[in-house]
Amino acid sequence: MPEVDPSATNPNEPSPSWASPTSPTSTELDQALASVPFDVRDRLGEITAPTVVIAGRHDFICGPRWAVLLRDGIPGARLTVLEHSGHFGHIERPAQFTRAITELLPNQS
């Protein structure tokens, strides 16, 4: 195990500037971000790349309801709903997740 420089963990040493909180405070940042909505649904039609939207049936963060909106807004997009998955389909159902992606790729025969 590599040796640790004792000064790196000394509470009496000042923290490097990158490790210290800086202005704006997180509250100020949260308020600023809340006042600037990030809604680009009206631009989904500009996507020209082949697209598969993958959502877990039990995803409470960005589930099937939102996945349908994405699919409907992106020309030619496909939707795959992983029935026994939440937000982490790539971990919870890796085979199904991978299949959804590879089915989008052109046939390499």
C-alpha atoms as a PDB file:
ATOM      1  CA  MET A   1       0.000   0.000   0.000  1.00  0.00           C
ATOM      2  CA  PRO A   2       1.441   3.432  -0.910  1.00  0.00           C
ATOM      3  CA  GLU A   3       2.391   5.762   1.894  1.00  0.00           C
ATOM      4  CA  VAL A   4       0.135   8.740   2.512  1.00  0.00           C
ATOM      5  CA  ASP A   5       1.611  12.189   2.928  1.00  0.00           C
ATOM      6  CA  PRO A   6       0.601  13.178   6.500  1.00  0.00           C
ATOM      7  CA  SER A   7       0.185  16.826   5.474  1.00  0.00           C
ATOM      8  CA  ALA A   8      -2.510  15.766   3.004  1.00  0.00           C
ATOM      9  CA  THR A   9      -4.792  14.714   5.859  1.00  0.00           C
ATOM     10  CA  ASN A  10      -3.745  17.257   8.483  1.00  0.00           C
ATOM     11  CA  PRO A  11      -6.836  19.204   9.570  1.00  0.00           C
ATOM     12  CA  ASN A  12      -4.608  22.178  10.472  1.00  0.00           C
ATOM     13  CA  GLU A  13      -3.467  22.566   6.865  1.00  0.00           C
ATOM     14  CA  PRO A  14      -5.653  24.700   4.618  1.00  0.00           C
ATOM     15  CA  SER A  15      -7.564  22.869   1.925  1.00  0.00           C
ATOM     16  CA  PRO A  16      -6.499  23.470  -1.640  1.00  0.00           C
ATOM     17  CA  SER A  17      -8.658  26.058  -3.385  1.00  0.00           C
ATOM     18  CA  TRP A  18     -10.321  23.438  -5.602  1.00  0.00           C
ATOM     19  CA  ALA A  19     -11.504  21.532  -2.520  1.00  0.00           C
ATOM     20  CA  SER A  20     -13.086  24.523  -0.809  1.00  0.00           C
ATOM     21  CA  PRO A  21     -16.623  25.755  -1.367  1.00  0.00           C
ATOM     22  CA  THR A  22     -16.707  28.837  -3.534  1.00  0.00           C
ATOM     23  CA  SER A  23     -19.330  31.372  -4.368  1.00  0.00           C
ATOM     24  CA  PRO A  24     -22.063  30.986  -5.435  1.00  0.00           C
ATOM     25  CA  THR A  25     -23.335  28.893  -2.580  1.00  0.00           C
ATOM     26  CA  SER A  26     -25.218  25.726  -3.447  1.00  0.00           C
ATOM     27  CA  THR A  27     -28.467  27.457  -2.445  1.00  0.00           C
ATOM     28  CA  GLU A  28     -27.753  30.354  -4.784  1.00  0.00           C
ATOM     29  CA  LEU A  29     -26.854  27.942  -7.558  1.00  0.00           C
ATOM     30  CA  ASP A  30     -30.031  25.908  -6.994  1.00  0.00           C
ATOM     31  CA  GLN A  31     -32.115  29.088  -7.173  1.00  0.00           C
ATOM     32  CA  ALA A  32     -30.375  30.224 -10.361  1.00  0.00           C
ATOM     33  CA  LEU A  33     -30.869  26.870 -12.050  1.00  0.00           C
ATOM     34  CA  ALA A  34     -34.510  26.729 -10.993  1.00  0.00           C
ATOM     35  CA  SER A  35     -35.143  30.036 -12.752  1.00  0.00           C
ATOM     36  CA  VAL A  36     -33.730  28.716 -16.055  1.00  0.00           C
ATOM     37  CA  PRO A  37     -35.861  25.816 -17.290  1.00  0.00           C
ATOM     38  CA  PHE A  38     -34.153  23.158 -19.373  1.00  0.00           C
ATOM     39  CA  ASP A  39     -36.889  22.030 -21.700  1.00  0.00           C
ATOM     40  CA  VAL A  40     -35.811  21.162 -25.219  1.00  0.00           C
ATOM     41  CA  ARG A  41     -38.780  19.015 -26.202  1.00  0.00           C
ATOM     42  CA  ASP A  42     -39.515  21.332 -29.101  1.00  0.00           C
ATOM     43  CA  ARG A  43     -36.059  20.524 -30.515  1.00  0.00           C
ATOM     44  CA  LEU A  44     -36.279  16.710 -30.365  1.00  0.00           C
ATOM     45  CA  GLY A  45     -37.304  16.654 -34.026  1.00  0.00           C
ATOM     46  CA  GLU A  46     -33.830  17.948 -34.919  1.00  0.00           C
ATOM     47  CA  ILE A  47     -32.221  14.659 -33.871  1.00  0.00           C
ATOM     48  CA  THR A  48     -31.208  12.754 -36.983  1.00  0.00           C
ATOM     49  CA  ALA A  49     -29.145   9.935 -35.476  1.00  0.00           C
ATOM     50  CA  PRO A  50     -30.695   6.483 -35.141  1.00  0.00           C
ATOM     51  CA  THR A  51     -32.196   6.485 -31.668  1.00  0.00           C
ATOM     52  CA  VAL A  52     -33.421   3.927 -29.182  1.00  0.00           C
ATOM     53  CA  VAL A  53     -35.053   5.192 -26.007  1.00  0.00           C
ATOM     54  CA  ILE A  54     -34.666   2.692 -23.167  1.00  0.00           C
ATOM     55  CA  ALA A  55     -36.647   2.932 -19.952  1.00  0.00           C
ATOM     56  CA  GLY A  56     -37.269   0.643 -17.025  1.00  0.00           C
ATOM     57  CA  ARG A  57     -40.919  -0.105 -16.311  1.00  0.00           C
ATOM     58  CA  HIS A  58     -40.334   0.750 -12.624  1.00  0.00           C
ATOM     59  CA  ASP A  59     -38.101   3.792 -13.173  1.00  0.00           C
ATOM     60  CA  PHE A  60     -39.511   6.541 -10.958  1.00  0.00           C
ATOM     61  CA  ILE A  61     -36.905   9.085 -12.132  1.00  0.00           C
ATOM     62  CA  CYS A  62     -37.403   9.006 -15.889  1.00  0.00           C
ATOM     63  CA  GLY A  63     -39.758   6.162 -16.650  1.00  0.00           C
ATOM     64  CA  PRO A  64     -41.963   5.033 -19.509  1.00  0.00           C
ATOM     65  CA  ARG A  65     -44.136   8.148 -19.499  1.00  0.00           C
ATOM     66  CA  TRP A  66     -41.140  10.312 -20.357  1.00  0.00           C
ATOM     67  CA  ALA A  67     -39.658   7.688 -22.662  1.00  0.00           C
ATOM     68  CA  VAL A  68     -42.812   7.792 -24.794  1.00  0.00           C
ATOM     69  CA  LEU A  69     -42.496  11.582 -25.068  1.00  0.00           C
ATOM     70  CA  LEU A  70     -38.904  11.173 -26.251  1.00  0.00           C
ATOM     71  CA  ARG A  71     -39.787   8.445 -28.729  1.00  0.00           C
ATOM     72  CA  ASP A  72     -42.669  10.450 -30.143  1.00  0.00           C
ATOM     73  CA  GLY A  73     -40.519  13.568 -30.470  1.00  0.00           C
ATOM     74  CA  ILE A  74     -37.513  11.967 -32.192  1.00  0.00           C
ATOM     75  CA  PRO A  75     -38.126  10.976 -35.815  1.00  0.00           C
ATOM     76  CA  GLY A  76     -37.822   7.221 -36.310  1.00  0.00           C
ATOM     77  CA  ALA A  77     -36.936   6.548 -32.672  1.00  0.00           C
ATOM     78  CA  ARG A  78     -37.632   3.147 -31.150  1.00  0.00           C
ATOM     79  CA  LEU A  79     -38.781   2.542 -27.591  1.00  0.00           C
ATOM     80  CA  THR A  80     -37.729  -0.388 -25.440  1.00  0.00           C
ATOM     81  CA  VAL A  81     -39.270  -0.752 -21.993  1.00  0.00           C
ATOM     82  CA  LEU A  82     -37.399  -3.131 -19.708  1.00  0.00           C
ATOM     83  CA  GLU A  83     -40.212  -4.791 -17.794  1.00  0.00           C
ATOM     84  CA  HIS A  84     -38.269  -5.868 -14.712  1.00  0.00           C
ATOM     85  CA  SER A  85     -36.048  -2.832 -14.325  1.00  0.00           C
ATOM     86  CA  GLY A  86     -35.880   0.539 -12.657  1.00  0.00           C
ATOM     87  CA  HIS A  87     -33.571   3.433 -13.509  1.00  0.00           C
ATOM     88  CA  PHE A  88     -30.447   1.309 -13.985  1.00  0.00           C
ATOM     89  CA  GLY A  89     -31.452  -0.963 -16.851  1.00  0.00           C
ATOM     90  CA  HIS A  90     -27.848  -1.328 -18.012  1.00  0.00           C
ATOM     91  CA  ILE A  91     -27.095  -2.937 -14.629  1.00  0.00           C
ATOM     92  CA  GLU A  92     -30.423  -4.551 -13.750  1.00  0.00           C
ATOM     93  CA  ARG A  93     -31.104  -6.110 -17.174  1.00  0.00           C
ATOM     94  CA  PRO A  94     -27.822  -5.913 -19.112  1.00  0.00           C
ATOM     95  CA  ALA A  95     -28.722  -8.508 -21.768  1.00  0.00           C
ATOM     96  CA  GLN A  96     -32.003  -6.804 -22.681  1.00  0.00           C
ATOM     97  CA  PHE A  97     -30.374  -3.370 -22.552  1.00  0.00           C
ATOM     98  CA  THR A  98     -27.554  -4.495 -24.857  1.00  0.00           C
ATOM     99  CA  ARG A  99     -30.001  -6.175 -27.256  1.00  0.00           C
ATOM    100  CA  ALA A 100     -32.011  -2.949 -27.556  1.00  0.00           C
ATOM    101  CA  ILE A 101     -28.865  -1.093 -28.547  1.00  0.00           C
ATOM    102  CA  THR A 102     -27.410  -3.716 -30.891  1.00  0.00           C
ATOM    103  CA  GLU A 103     -30.746  -4.046 -32.731  1.00  0.00           C
ATOM    104  CA  LEU A 104     -30.350  -0.380 -33.622  1.00  0.00           C
ATOM    105  CA  LEU A 105     -26.954  -0.950 -35.266  1.00  0.00           C
ATOM    106  CA  PRO A 106     -26.791  -1.691 -38.973  1.00  0.00           C
ATOM    107  CA  ASN A 107     -26.374  -5.343 -39.956  1.00  0.00           C
ATOM    108  CA  GLN A 108     -22.648  -6.051 -40.230  1.00  0.00           C
ATOM    109  CA  SER A 109     -22.919  -9.228 -42.329  1.00  0.00           C
END
